Amino acid sequence: VSDQRRTNGTGTSHLMAHAELLSREVKIKYRTSTNLILQKGTLFYNEDMQTVEVETSGSDESTTKVIKLSCLSTVKAMDYIEGTRVNCVLILRQKLDTAAEEDGLDTSDVLPLEEEEMIIQFTRVEDRDNWDTGLRYMMSALEVTVAKDQVDGPTKSFSRIKKVRLEEPRAGVLVHARFELASGEEAVLEIPEHKADAKNLNHEIVKWVQDHCVQPSETTSLYRLVKSLVHRTTLESKTADVIQRINDCNFDKMLKAQGVSVEDQGMAVLELTKAHLREIENDIPTFIGQQGTAASMIVQILRRNVEKMKVINDLAYKIHASSHRKAAG
């Protein structure tokens, strides 16, 4: 028994080591059997979701291609010569249609599942070899886990999500959603502000799916939904903060705050507003981000707001200076 425990512990530590190594982002190029155009992307392993993910940033928004570990059928490392250079690639083959298997249907009379190939080109041989070894190890570990659960594990009754209703979140919470499950139960999901980053969000979604016995196949789509809701809420909050900063640069407001009444000092306040607005304009792309069409549009709108405030301040200063000249005359 002690030997078996030591063996299990060693296997778990190896699995964790491989998962941690593959969770580090790697810049790659890739093409698929359904899209032969070579694309640049970022490859990483999502340990919580048990998925291989490739994120591609386009001109308008980023897209993520997701491959479930359970859908991978083969992993093959290859080297091929292109001109004077040797390209190191990893070929992943995945099953595209797993609905029948997930629903527990009899697949004996079903045609072979359609498959897709992804050819991933690495810059370094070491990275390719790490992914080749790591994926093979985790695929084997997953097969052992599934087989053990089928023998020893209790039968679980999973339920699909039928409806979702968004509700006003309380203070400190970004997302509050109420889900109606096919079992007739209702389940509430809340994402607090301090768990909105990608890693914590993964943990929250996986835990919620397990706690409420939701179909595991729904995990990825649920994660994408909640991620988009978190992004939208965060975007609204950040946009409001920038608008407030722009409004605080109003000439009359700053003039009153400075307690200035002399014309020359009014010019100094005008220059101060311009300096603050330049700083805000430079901060907008970093603060709002530019992932997705909505973020890009908001960046443009906020920049126009900055320009409008500059014009308003110039007019306000002219009125201020004119009134002082008349008073002096």
C-alpha atoms as a PDB file:
ATOM      1  CA  VAL A   1       0.000   0.000   0.000  1.00  0.00           C
ATOM      2  CA  SER A   2       2.810   2.419   0.910  1.00  0.00           C
ATOM      3  CA  ASP A   3       4.556   1.681  -2.400  1.00  0.00           C
ATOM      4  CA  GLN A   4       1.331   2.394  -4.257  1.00  0.00           C
ATOM      5  CA  ARG A   5       0.900   5.693  -2.390  1.00  0.00           C
ATOM      6  CA  ARG A   6       4.473   6.709  -3.257  1.00  0.00           C
ATOM      7  CA  THR A   7       3.842   5.840  -6.907  1.00  0.00           C
ATOM      8  CA  ASN A   8       0.596   7.827  -6.974  1.00  0.00           C
ATOM      9  CA  GLY A   9       2.325  10.787  -5.339  1.00  0.00           C
ATOM     10  CA  THR A  10       5.153  10.719  -7.873  1.00  0.00           C
ATOM     11  CA  GLY A  11       2.661  10.544 -10.743  1.00  0.00           C
ATOM     12  CA  THR A  12       0.717  13.499  -9.383  1.00  0.00           C
ATOM     13  CA  SER A  13       3.859  15.599  -8.971  1.00  0.00           C
ATOM     14  CA  HIS A  14       4.930  14.779 -12.549  1.00  0.00           C
ATOM     15  CA  LEU A  15       1.477  15.733 -13.819  1.00  0.00           C
ATOM     16  CA  MET A  16       1.572  19.046 -11.947  1.00  0.00           C
ATOM     17  CA  ALA A  17       5.068  19.766 -13.259  1.00  0.00           C
ATOM     18  CA  HIS A  18       3.999  19.184 -16.870  1.00  0.00           C
ATOM     19  CA  ALA A  19       0.842  21.276 -16.428  1.00  0.00           C
ATOM     20  CA  GLU A  20       2.799  24.142 -14.874  1.00  0.00           C
ATOM     21  CA  LEU A  21       5.383  24.071 -17.673  1.00  0.00           C
ATOM     22  CA  LEU A  22       2.759  24.116 -20.433  1.00  0.00           C
ATOM     23  CA  SER A  23       0.763  26.891 -18.734  1.00  0.00           C
ATOM     24  CA  ARG A  24       3.566  29.312 -19.647  1.00  0.00           C
ATOM     25  CA  GLU A  25       2.743  31.229 -22.815  1.00  0.00           C
ATOM     26  CA  VAL A  26       4.752  30.438 -25.957  1.00  0.00           C
ATOM     27  CA  LYS A  27       4.748  32.439 -29.188  1.00  0.00           C
ATOM     28  CA  ILE A  28       4.007  30.141 -32.133  1.00  0.00           C
ATOM     29  CA  LYS A  29       2.723  29.999 -35.699  1.00  0.00           C
ATOM     30  CA  TYR A  30      -0.014  27.569 -36.648  1.00  0.00           C
ATOM     31  CA  ARG A  31      -2.406  26.387 -39.332  1.00  0.00           C
ATOM     32  CA  THR A  32      -5.266  23.893 -39.302  1.00  0.00           C
ATOM     33  CA  SER A  33      -6.698  21.421 -41.794  1.00  0.00           C
ATOM     34  CA  THR A  34      -9.711  23.737 -42.141  1.00  0.00           C
ATOM     35  CA  ASN A  35      -7.636  26.940 -42.462  1.00  0.00           C
ATOM     36  CA  LEU A  36      -4.292  26.536 -44.244  1.00  0.00           C
ATOM     37  CA  ILE A  37      -3.211  30.168 -43.766  1.00  0.00           C
ATOM     38  CA  LEU A  38      -0.260  30.370 -41.342  1.00  0.00           C
ATOM     39  CA  GLN A  39      -1.175  32.555 -38.351  1.00  0.00           C
ATOM     40  CA  LYS A  40       0.741  33.949 -35.384  1.00  0.00           C
ATOM     41  CA  GLY A  41      -0.558  33.120 -31.937  1.00  0.00           C
ATOM     42  CA  THR A  42       0.170  32.488 -28.268  1.00  0.00           C
ATOM     43  CA  LEU A  43      -0.012  28.880 -27.070  1.00  0.00           C
ATOM     44  CA  PHE A  44      -0.700  27.843 -23.474  1.00  0.00           C
ATOM     45  CA  TYR A  45      -2.352  25.087 -21.433  1.00  0.00           C
ATOM     46  CA  ASN A  46      -5.350  25.979 -19.259  1.00  0.00           C
ATOM     47  CA  GLU A  47      -4.968  23.632 -16.292  1.00  0.00           C
ATOM     48  CA  ASP A  48      -8.360  24.392 -14.724  1.00  0.00           C
ATOM     49  CA  MET A  49     -10.307  23.840 -17.956  1.00  0.00           C
ATOM     50  CA  GLN A  50      -7.979  21.037 -19.182  1.00  0.00           C
ATOM     51  CA  THR A  51      -7.710  22.717 -22.581  1.00  0.00           C
ATOM     52  CA  VAL A  52      -4.971  23.637 -25.024  1.00  0.00           C
ATOM     53  CA  GLU A  53      -5.592  27.244 -26.115  1.00  0.00           C
ATOM     54  CA  VAL A  54      -4.178  29.390 -28.921  1.00  0.00           C
ATOM     55  CA  GLU A  55      -4.886  33.103 -28.696  1.00  0.00           C
ATOM     56  CA  THR A  56      -4.677  35.113 -31.917  1.00  0.00           C
ATOM     57  CA  SER A  57      -4.781  38.920 -31.906  1.00  0.00           C
ATOM     58  CA  GLY A  58      -6.383  40.384 -35.021  1.00  0.00           C
ATOM     59  CA  SER A  59      -6.872  43.956 -36.172  1.00  0.00           C
ATOM     60  CA  ASP A  60     -10.197  44.316 -34.361  1.00  0.00           C
ATOM     61  CA  GLU A  61     -10.230  41.736 -31.600  1.00  0.00           C
ATOM     62  CA  SER A  62      -8.494  38.670 -30.246  1.00  0.00           C
ATOM     63  CA  THR A  63      -9.821  35.155 -30.798  1.00  0.00           C
ATOM     64  CA  THR A  64      -9.036  32.006 -28.872  1.00  0.00           C
ATOM     65  CA  LYS A  65      -9.017  28.508 -30.349  1.00  0.00           C
ATOM     66  CA  VAL A  66      -9.736  25.917 -27.675  1.00  0.00           C
ATOM     67  CA  ILE A  67      -8.916  22.190 -27.818  1.00  0.00           C
ATOM     68  CA  LYS A  68     -10.130  20.008 -24.966  1.00  0.00           C
ATOM     69  CA  LEU A  69      -7.549  17.550 -23.667  1.00  0.00           C
ATOM     70  CA  SER A  70     -10.244  14.863 -23.752  1.00  0.00           C
ATOM     71  CA  CYS A  71     -10.748  15.495 -27.504  1.00  0.00           C
ATOM     72  CA  LEU A  72      -7.092  15.043 -28.456  1.00  0.00           C
ATOM     73  CA  SER A  73      -6.560  11.753 -30.260  1.00  0.00           C
ATOM     74  CA  THR A  74      -2.892  11.977 -31.312  1.00  0.00           C
ATOM     75  CA  VAL A  75       0.157  14.164 -30.750  1.00  0.00           C
ATOM     76  CA  LYS A  76       3.069  13.904 -33.177  1.00  0.00           C
ATOM     77  CA  ALA A  77       6.364  15.814 -33.270  1.00  0.00           C
ATOM     78  CA  MET A  78       8.021  16.372 -36.663  1.00  0.00           C
ATOM     79  CA  ASP A  79      10.906  18.278 -38.230  1.00  0.00           C
ATOM     80  CA  TYR A  80      10.848  19.380 -41.863  1.00  0.00           C
ATOM     81  CA  ILE A  81      13.220  21.371 -44.050  1.00  0.00           C
ATOM     82  CA  GLU A  82      12.079  24.633 -45.615  1.00  0.00           C
ATOM     83  CA  GLY A  83      14.821  26.189 -47.726  1.00  0.00           C
ATOM     84  CA  THR A  84      17.897  26.348 -45.515  1.00  0.00           C
ATOM     85  CA  ARG A  85      16.100  26.097 -42.192  1.00  0.00           C
ATOM     86  CA  VAL A  86      14.613  23.247 -40.200  1.00  0.00           C
ATOM     87  CA  ASN A  87      11.137  23.839 -38.769  1.00  0.00           C
ATOM     88  CA  CYS A  88      10.124  21.999 -35.605  1.00  0.00           C
ATOM     89  CA  VAL A  89       6.390  21.355 -35.448  1.00  0.00           C
ATOM     90  CA  LEU A  90       3.829  19.551 -33.334  1.00  0.00           C
ATOM     91  CA  ILE A  91       0.776  18.045 -35.004  1.00  0.00           C
ATOM     92  CA  LEU A  92      -2.361  17.787 -32.852  1.00  0.00           C
ATOM     93  CA  ARG A  93      -5.346  15.795 -34.025  1.00  0.00           C
ATOM     94  CA  GLN A  94      -8.646  16.386 -32.252  1.00  0.00           C
ATOM     95  CA  LYS A  95     -12.156  14.994 -32.490  1.00  0.00           C
ATOM     96  CA  LEU A  96     -14.637  17.709 -33.438  1.00  0.00           C
ATOM     97  CA  ASP A  97     -17.928  16.054 -32.503  1.00  0.00           C
ATOM     98  CA  THR A  98     -18.115  14.579 -28.995  1.00  0.00           C
ATOM     99  CA  ALA A  99     -21.779  15.281 -28.270  1.00  0.00           C
ATOM    100  CA  ALA A 100     -22.820  11.643 -28.496  1.00  0.00           C
ATOM    101  CA  GLU A 101     -20.098  10.512 -26.116  1.00  0.00           C
ATOM    102  CA  GLU A 102     -20.830  13.279 -23.589  1.00  0.00           C
ATOM    103  CA  ASP A 103     -24.528  12.434 -23.537  1.00  0.00           C
ATOM    104  CA  GLY A 104     -23.743   8.769 -22.899  1.00  0.00           C
ATOM    105  CA  LEU A 105     -25.372   7.576 -26.152  1.00  0.00           C
ATOM    106  CA  ASP A 106     -24.628   4.296 -27.858  1.00  0.00           C
ATOM    107  CA  THR A 107     -22.034   5.144 -30.528  1.00  0.00           C
ATOM    108  CA  SER A 108     -21.616   1.645 -31.954  1.00  0.00           C
ATOM    109  CA  ASP A 109     -23.628   2.517 -35.107  1.00  0.00           C
ATOM    110  CA  VAL A 110     -22.277   6.055 -35.449  1.00  0.00           C
ATOM    111  CA  LEU A 111     -19.828   6.956 -38.235  1.00  0.00           C
ATOM    112  CA  PRO A 112     -16.224   7.739 -37.212  1.00  0.00           C
ATOM    113  CA  LEU A 113     -15.923  11.151 -35.612  1.00  0.00           C
ATOM    114  CA  GLU A 114     -14.741  14.011 -37.806  1.00  0.00           C
ATOM    115  CA  GLU A 115     -11.236  15.134 -36.897  1.00  0.00           C
ATOM    116  CA  GLU A 116      -9.207  18.297 -37.366  1.00  0.00           C
ATOM    117  CA  GLU A 117      -5.453  18.687 -37.453  1.00  0.00           C
ATOM    118  CA  MET A 118      -3.544  21.640 -36.050  1.00  0.00           C
ATOM    119  CA  ILE A 119       0.081  22.083 -37.088  1.00  0.00           C
ATOM    120  CA  ILE A 120       1.973  24.192 -34.539  1.00  0.00           C
ATOM    121  CA  GLN A 121       5.348  25.634 -35.503  1.00  0.00           C
ATOM    122  CA  PHE A 122       7.741  26.468 -32.648  1.00  0.00           C
ATOM    123  CA  THR A 123      10.757  28.758 -32.682  1.00  0.00           C
ATOM    124  CA  ARG A 124      12.733  26.590 -30.249  1.00  0.00           C
ATOM    125  CA  VAL A 125      13.078  22.816 -30.355  1.00  0.00           C
ATOM    126  CA  GLU A 126      13.035  22.741 -26.535  1.00  0.00           C
ATOM    127  CA  ASP A 127       9.549  24.257 -26.423  1.00  0.00           C
ATOM    128  CA  ARG A 128       8.238  21.775 -29.004  1.00  0.00           C
ATOM    129  CA  ASP A 129       9.723  18.830 -27.129  1.00  0.00           C
ATOM    130  CA  ASN A 130       8.288  20.062 -23.812  1.00  0.00           C
ATOM    131  CA  TRP A 131       4.813  20.264 -25.368  1.00  0.00           C
ATOM    132  CA  ASP A 132       5.180  16.878 -27.044  1.00  0.00           C
ATOM    133  CA  THR A 133       6.202  15.146 -23.798  1.00  0.00           C
ATOM    134  CA  GLY A 134       3.796  17.109 -21.600  1.00  0.00           C
ATOM    135  CA  LEU A 135       0.678  16.540 -23.708  1.00  0.00           C
ATOM    136  CA  ARG A 136       1.401  12.830 -24.101  1.00  0.00           C
ATOM    137  CA  TYR A 137       1.829  12.452 -20.350  1.00  0.00           C
ATOM    138  CA  MET A 138      -1.366  14.326 -19.498  1.00  0.00           C
ATOM    139  CA  MET A 139      -3.378  12.451 -22.150  1.00  0.00           C
ATOM    140  CA  SER A 140      -2.246   9.175 -20.608  1.00  0.00           C
ATOM    141  CA  ALA A 141      -3.060  10.421 -17.096  1.00  0.00           C
ATOM    142  CA  LEU A 142      -6.521  11.491 -18.253  1.00  0.00           C
ATOM    143  CA  GLU A 143      -7.214   8.056 -19.740  1.00  0.00           C
ATOM    144  CA  VAL A 144      -6.228   6.400 -16.453  1.00  0.00           C
ATOM    145  CA  THR A 145      -8.449   8.803 -14.468  1.00  0.00           C
ATOM    146  CA  VAL A 146     -11.461   8.219 -16.728  1.00  0.00           C
ATOM    147  CA  ALA A 147     -11.004   4.447 -16.576  1.00  0.00           C
ATOM    148  CA  LYS A 148     -10.719   4.523 -12.764  1.00  0.00           C
ATOM    149  CA  ASP A 149     -13.843   6.680 -12.435  1.00  0.00           C
ATOM    150  CA  GLN A 150     -15.788   4.282 -14.618  1.00  0.00           C
ATOM    151  CA  VAL A 151     -14.824   1.377 -12.345  1.00  0.00           C
ATOM    152  CA  ASP A 152     -14.832   2.959  -8.891  1.00  0.00           C
ATOM    153  CA  GLY A 153     -16.579   6.289  -9.175  1.00  0.00           C
ATOM    154  CA  PRO A 154     -20.182   6.864  -8.182  1.00  0.00           C
ATOM    155  CA  THR A 155     -22.730   7.579 -10.889  1.00  0.00           C
ATOM    156  CA  LYS A 156     -23.414  11.310 -11.212  1.00  0.00           C
ATOM    157  CA  SER A 157     -26.504  12.877 -12.671  1.00  0.00           C
ATOM    158  CA  PHE A 158     -25.385  15.904 -14.638  1.00  0.00           C
ATOM    159  CA  SER A 159     -27.699  18.659 -15.739  1.00  0.00           C
ATOM    160  CA  ARG A 160     -27.528  21.161 -18.591  1.00  0.00           C
ATOM    161  CA  ILE A 161     -28.107  24.902 -18.321  1.00  0.00           C
ATOM    162  CA  LYS A 162     -31.522  25.942 -19.700  1.00  0.00           C
ATOM    163  CA  LYS A 163     -31.745  29.671 -18.967  1.00  0.00           C
ATOM    164  CA  VAL A 164     -29.613  32.430 -17.529  1.00  0.00           C
ATOM    165  CA  ARG A 165     -30.854  35.677 -15.971  1.00  0.00           C
ATOM    166  CA  LEU A 166     -28.507  38.534 -15.120  1.00  0.00           C
ATOM    167  CA  GLU A 167     -29.274  40.454 -11.940  1.00  0.00           C
ATOM    168  CA  GLU A 168     -27.907  43.647 -10.395  1.00  0.00           C
ATOM    169  CA  PRO A 169     -24.742  42.695  -8.473  1.00  0.00           C
ATOM    170  CA  ARG A 170     -24.183  43.871  -4.923  1.00  0.00           C
ATOM    171  CA  ALA A 171     -21.206  46.031  -3.924  1.00  0.00           C
ATOM    172  CA  GLY A 172     -17.855  44.356  -4.608  1.00  0.00           C
ATOM    173  CA  VAL A 173     -19.357  41.889  -7.114  1.00  0.00           C
ATOM    174  CA  LEU A 174     -18.921  42.237 -10.873  1.00  0.00           C
ATOM    175  CA  VAL A 175     -21.331  39.534 -12.080  1.00  0.00           C
ATOM    176  CA  HIS A 176     -24.471  38.100 -10.467  1.00  0.00           C
ATOM    177  CA  ALA A 177     -26.264  35.528 -12.628  1.00  0.00           C
ATOM    178  CA  ARG A 178     -29.096  33.112 -11.867  1.00  0.00           C
ATOM    179  CA  PHE A 179     -29.142  29.866 -13.869  1.00  0.00           C
ATOM    180  CA  GLU A 180     -32.077  27.542 -14.424  1.00  0.00           C
ATOM    181  CA  LEU A 181     -30.871  23.951 -14.821  1.00  0.00           C
ATOM    182  CA  ALA A 182     -32.580  21.141 -16.724  1.00  0.00           C
ATOM    183  CA  SER A 183     -33.028  19.357 -13.385  1.00  0.00           C
ATOM    184  CA  GLY A 184     -35.400  22.144 -12.296  1.00  0.00           C
ATOM    185  CA  GLU A 185     -32.960  23.606  -9.782  1.00  0.00           C
ATOM    186  CA  GLU A 186     -31.786  27.216  -9.711  1.00  0.00           C
ATOM    187  CA  ALA A 187     -28.149  28.096  -9.103  1.00  0.00           C
ATOM    188  CA  VAL A 188     -26.586  31.511  -8.525  1.00  0.00           C
ATOM    189  CA  LEU A 189     -23.113  32.423  -9.730  1.00  0.00           C
ATOM    190  CA  GLU A 190     -21.298  35.490  -8.366  1.00  0.00           C
ATOM    191  CA  ILE A 191     -17.888  36.772  -9.442  1.00  0.00           C
ATOM    192  CA  PRO A 192     -16.376  39.187  -6.893  1.00  0.00           C
ATOM    193  CA  GLU A 193     -13.963  41.897  -8.025  1.00  0.00           C
ATOM    194  CA  HIS A 194     -10.905  40.243  -6.448  1.00  0.00           C
ATOM    195  CA  LYS A 195     -11.498  37.049  -8.455  1.00  0.00           C
ATOM    196  CA  ALA A 196     -11.962  38.624 -11.881  1.00  0.00           C
ATOM    197  CA  ASP A 197      -8.483  37.791 -13.209  1.00  0.00           C
ATOM    198  CA  ALA A 198      -8.159  34.885 -15.646  1.00  0.00           C
ATOM    199  CA  LYS A 199      -6.721  32.319 -13.197  1.00  0.00           C
ATOM    200  CA  ASN A 200      -9.219  32.956 -10.397  1.00  0.00           C
ATOM    201  CA  LEU A 201     -12.069  33.108 -12.904  1.00  0.00           C
ATOM    202  CA  ASN A 202     -11.124  29.648 -14.170  1.00  0.00           C
ATOM    203  CA  HIS A 203     -11.183  28.263 -10.625  1.00  0.00           C
ATOM    204  CA  GLU A 204     -14.573  29.846  -9.883  1.00  0.00           C
ATOM    205  CA  ILE A 205     -16.239  28.477 -13.034  1.00  0.00           C
ATOM    206  CA  VAL A 206     -14.834  24.955 -12.661  1.00  0.00           C
ATOM    207  CA  LYS A 207     -15.813  24.840  -8.970  1.00  0.00           C
ATOM    208  CA  TRP A 208     -19.332  26.132  -9.728  1.00  0.00           C
ATOM    209  CA  VAL A 209     -19.858  23.515 -12.461  1.00  0.00           C
ATOM    210  CA  GLN A 210     -18.704  20.736 -10.119  1.00  0.00           C
ATOM    211  CA  ASP A 211     -20.699  21.970  -7.109  1.00  0.00           C
ATOM    212  CA  HIS A 212     -23.952  22.131  -9.089  1.00  0.00           C
ATOM    213  CA  CYS A 213     -23.379  18.953 -11.168  1.00  0.00           C
ATOM    214  CA  VAL A 214     -23.596  20.862 -14.446  1.00  0.00           C
ATOM    215  CA  GLN A 215     -22.589  19.006 -17.603  1.00  0.00           C
ATOM    216  CA  PRO A 216     -18.773  19.308 -17.861  1.00  0.00           C
ATOM    217  CA  SER A 217     -19.176  20.013 -21.580  1.00  0.00           C
ATOM    218  CA  GLU A 218     -20.796  23.349 -20.659  1.00  0.00           C
ATOM    219  CA  THR A 219     -17.723  24.592 -18.770  1.00  0.00           C
ATOM    220  CA  THR A 220     -15.972  26.253 -21.710  1.00  0.00           C
ATOM    221  CA  SER A 221     -19.041  28.103 -23.017  1.00  0.00           C
ATOM    222  CA  LEU A 222     -19.931  29.213 -19.471  1.00  0.00           C
ATOM    223  CA  TYR A 223     -16.400  30.500 -18.934  1.00  0.00           C
ATOM    224  CA  ARG A 224     -16.567  32.534 -22.155  1.00  0.00           C
ATOM    225  CA  LEU A 225     -19.941  34.013 -21.164  1.00  0.00           C
ATOM    226  CA  VAL A 226     -18.789  35.037 -17.693  1.00  0.00           C
ATOM    227  CA  LYS A 227     -15.471  36.344 -19.022  1.00  0.00           C
ATOM    228  CA  SER A 228     -17.301  38.605 -21.481  1.00  0.00           C
ATOM    229  CA  LEU A 229     -19.633  39.850 -18.706  1.00  0.00           C
ATOM    230  CA  VAL A 230     -16.675  40.610 -16.441  1.00  0.00           C
ATOM    231  CA  HIS A 231     -14.923  42.426 -19.292  1.00  0.00           C
ATOM    232  CA  ARG A 232     -18.030  44.488 -20.050  1.00  0.00           C
ATOM    233  CA  THR A 233     -18.573  45.462 -16.408  1.00  0.00           C
ATOM    234  CA  THR A 234     -14.905  46.334 -15.931  1.00  0.00           C
ATOM    235  CA  LEU A 235     -14.961  48.346 -19.149  1.00  0.00           C
ATOM    236  CA  GLU A 236     -17.968  50.357 -17.973  1.00  0.00           C
ATOM    237  CA  SER A 237     -16.291  51.109 -14.635  1.00  0.00           C
ATOM    238  CA  LYS A 238     -12.999  52.160 -16.240  1.00  0.00           C
ATOM    239  CA  THR A 239     -14.819  54.321 -18.803  1.00  0.00           C
ATOM    240  CA  ALA A 240     -16.678  56.133 -16.021  1.00  0.00           C
ATOM    241  CA  ASP A 241     -13.361  56.760 -14.224  1.00  0.00           C
ATOM    242  CA  VAL A 242     -11.793  58.309 -17.342  1.00  0.00           C
ATOM    243  CA  ILE A 243     -14.856  60.496 -17.983  1.00  0.00           C
ATOM    244  CA  GLN A 244     -14.640  61.767 -14.403  1.00  0.00           C
ATOM    245  CA  ARG A 245     -10.935  62.578 -14.861  1.00  0.00           C
ATOM    246  CA  ILE A 246     -11.752  64.510 -18.060  1.00  0.00           C
ATOM    247  CA  ASN A 247     -14.547  66.462 -16.337  1.00  0.00           C
ATOM    248  CA  ASP A 248     -12.203  67.328 -13.471  1.00  0.00           C
ATOM    249  CA  CYS A 249     -10.002  69.123 -16.030  1.00  0.00           C
ATOM    250  CA  ASN A 250     -12.699  71.703 -16.733  1.00  0.00           C
ATOM    251  CA  PHE A 251     -11.101  75.196 -16.721  1.00  0.00           C
ATOM    252  CA  ASP A 252     -13.762  76.861 -14.543  1.00  0.00           C
ATOM    253  CA  LYS A 253     -13.659  74.010 -12.043  1.00  0.00           C
ATOM    254  CA  MET A 254      -9.856  74.092 -11.765  1.00  0.00           C
ATOM    255  CA  LEU A 255      -9.840  77.885 -11.654  1.00  0.00           C
ATOM    256  CA  LYS A 256     -12.222  77.808  -8.697  1.00  0.00           C
ATOM    257  CA  ALA A 257     -10.210  75.067  -6.988  1.00  0.00           C
ATOM    258  CA  GLN A 258      -6.994  77.132  -7.382  1.00  0.00           C
ATOM    259  CA  GLY A 259      -8.703  80.261  -6.027  1.00  0.00           C
ATOM    260  CA  VAL A 260      -7.269  82.304  -8.916  1.00  0.00           C
ATOM    261  CA  SER A 261      -8.678  85.616 -10.090  1.00  0.00           C
ATOM    262  CA  VAL A 262      -5.771  87.334 -11.898  1.00  0.00           C
ATOM    263  CA  GLU A 263      -5.609  87.028 -15.727  1.00  0.00           C
ATOM    264  CA  ASP A 264      -1.980  85.798 -15.818  1.00  0.00           C
ATOM    265  CA  GLN A 265      -2.810  83.076 -13.318  1.00  0.00           C
ATOM    266  CA  GLY A 266      -5.770  82.103 -15.478  1.00  0.00           C
ATOM    267  CA  MET A 267      -3.318  81.316 -18.288  1.00  0.00           C
ATOM    268  CA  ALA A 268      -1.343  79.125 -15.872  1.00  0.00           C
ATOM    269  CA  VAL A 269      -4.509  77.198 -15.004  1.00  0.00           C
ATOM    270  CA  LEU A 270      -5.284  76.750 -18.724  1.00  0.00           C
ATOM    271  CA  GLU A 271      -1.822  75.271 -19.288  1.00  0.00           C
ATOM    272  CA  LEU A 272      -2.360  73.008 -16.274  1.00  0.00           C
ATOM    273  CA  THR A 273      -5.614  71.661 -17.771  1.00  0.00           C
ATOM    274  CA  LYS A 274      -3.818  70.980 -21.058  1.00  0.00           C
ATOM    275  CA  ALA A 275      -1.073  69.057 -19.255  1.00  0.00           C
ATOM    276  CA  HIS A 276      -3.622  66.936 -17.361  1.00  0.00           C
ATOM    277  CA  LEU A 277      -5.616  66.239 -20.546  1.00  0.00           C
ATOM    278  CA  ARG A 278      -2.462  65.168 -22.409  1.00  0.00           C
ATOM    279  CA  GLU A 279      -1.691  62.743 -19.608  1.00  0.00           C
ATOM    280  CA  ILE A 280      -5.231  61.336 -19.685  1.00  0.00           C
ATOM    281  CA  GLU A 281      -5.133  60.977 -23.487  1.00  0.00           C
ATOM    282  CA  ASN A 282      -1.879  59.002 -23.258  1.00  0.00           C
ATOM    283  CA  ASP A 283      -3.300  56.787 -20.495  1.00  0.00           C
ATOM    284  CA  ILE A 284      -6.553  55.889 -22.272  1.00  0.00           C
ATOM    285  CA  PRO A 285      -5.315  52.994 -24.507  1.00  0.00           C
ATOM    286  CA  THR A 286      -3.484  51.336 -21.606  1.00  0.00           C
ATOM    287  CA  PHE A 287      -6.250  51.906 -19.072  1.00  0.00           C
ATOM    288  CA  ILE A 288      -9.170  50.805 -21.286  1.00  0.00           C
ATOM    289  CA  GLY A 289      -7.288  48.264 -23.380  1.00  0.00           C
ATOM    290  CA  GLN A 290      -7.813  47.594 -27.066  1.00  0.00           C
ATOM    291  CA  GLN A 291      -9.069  44.004 -27.095  1.00  0.00           C
ATOM    292  CA  GLY A 292     -12.335  43.833 -28.962  1.00  0.00           C
ATOM    293  CA  THR A 293     -14.310  46.254 -31.095  1.00  0.00           C
ATOM    294  CA  ALA A 294     -16.103  47.823 -28.102  1.00  0.00           C
ATOM    295  CA  ALA A 295     -12.853  48.767 -26.362  1.00  0.00           C
ATOM    296  CA  SER A 296     -11.425  50.311 -29.544  1.00  0.00           C
ATOM    297  CA  MET A 297     -14.580  52.400 -30.046  1.00  0.00           C
ATOM    298  CA  ILE A 298     -14.555  53.584 -26.428  1.00  0.00           C
ATOM    299  CA  VAL A 299     -10.894  54.639 -26.759  1.00  0.00           C
ATOM    300  CA  GLN A 300     -11.795  56.766 -29.806  1.00  0.00           C
ATOM    301  CA  ILE A 301     -14.826  58.311 -28.086  1.00  0.00           C
ATOM    302  CA  LEU A 302     -12.839  59.193 -24.952  1.00  0.00           C
ATOM    303  CA  ARG A 303     -10.106  60.788 -27.047  1.00  0.00           C
ATOM    304  CA  ARG A 304     -12.743  62.941 -28.763  1.00  0.00           C
ATOM    305  CA  ASN A 305     -14.034  63.910 -25.305  1.00  0.00           C
ATOM    306  CA  VAL A 306     -10.530  65.052 -24.399  1.00  0.00           C
ATOM    307  CA  GLU A 307     -10.361  67.208 -27.542  1.00  0.00           C
ATOM    308  CA  LYS A 308     -13.799  68.701 -26.777  1.00  0.00           C
ATOM    309  CA  MET A 309     -12.688  69.599 -23.254  1.00  0.00           C
ATOM    310  CA  LYS A 310      -9.647  71.377 -24.688  1.00  0.00           C
ATOM    311  CA  VAL A 311     -11.910  73.500 -26.924  1.00  0.00           C
ATOM    312  CA  ILE A 312     -14.295  74.229 -24.027  1.00  0.00           C
ATOM    313  CA  ASN A 313     -11.366  75.288 -21.823  1.00  0.00           C
ATOM    314  CA  ASP A 314      -9.956  77.597 -24.518  1.00  0.00           C
ATOM    315  CA  LEU A 315     -13.344  79.332 -24.833  1.00  0.00           C
ATOM    316  CA  ALA A 316     -13.730  79.538 -21.057  1.00  0.00           C
ATOM    317  CA  TYR A 317     -10.294  81.142 -20.736  1.00  0.00           C
ATOM    318  CA  LYS A 318     -11.098  83.748 -23.416  1.00  0.00           C
ATOM    319  CA  ILE A 319     -14.285  84.695 -21.556  1.00  0.00           C
ATOM    320  CA  HIS A 320     -12.333  84.835 -18.278  1.00  0.00           C
ATOM    321  CA  ALA A 321      -9.580  87.020 -19.780  1.00  0.00           C
ATOM    322  CA  SER A 322     -12.075  89.305 -21.514  1.00  0.00           C
ATOM    323  CA  SER A 323     -14.006  89.917 -18.296  1.00  0.00           C
ATOM    324  CA  HIS A 324     -10.772  90.835 -16.499  1.00  0.00           C
ATOM    325  CA  ARG A 325      -9.746  93.281 -19.224  1.00  0.00           C
ATOM    326  CA  LYS A 326     -13.147  95.001 -19.059  1.00  0.00           C
ATOM    327  CA  ALA A 327     -12.897  95.202 -15.277  1.00  0.00           C
ATOM    328  CA  ALA A 328      -9.413  96.712 -15.550  1.00  0.00           C
ATOM    329  CA  GLY A 329     -10.609  99.243 -18.187  1.00  0.00           C
END
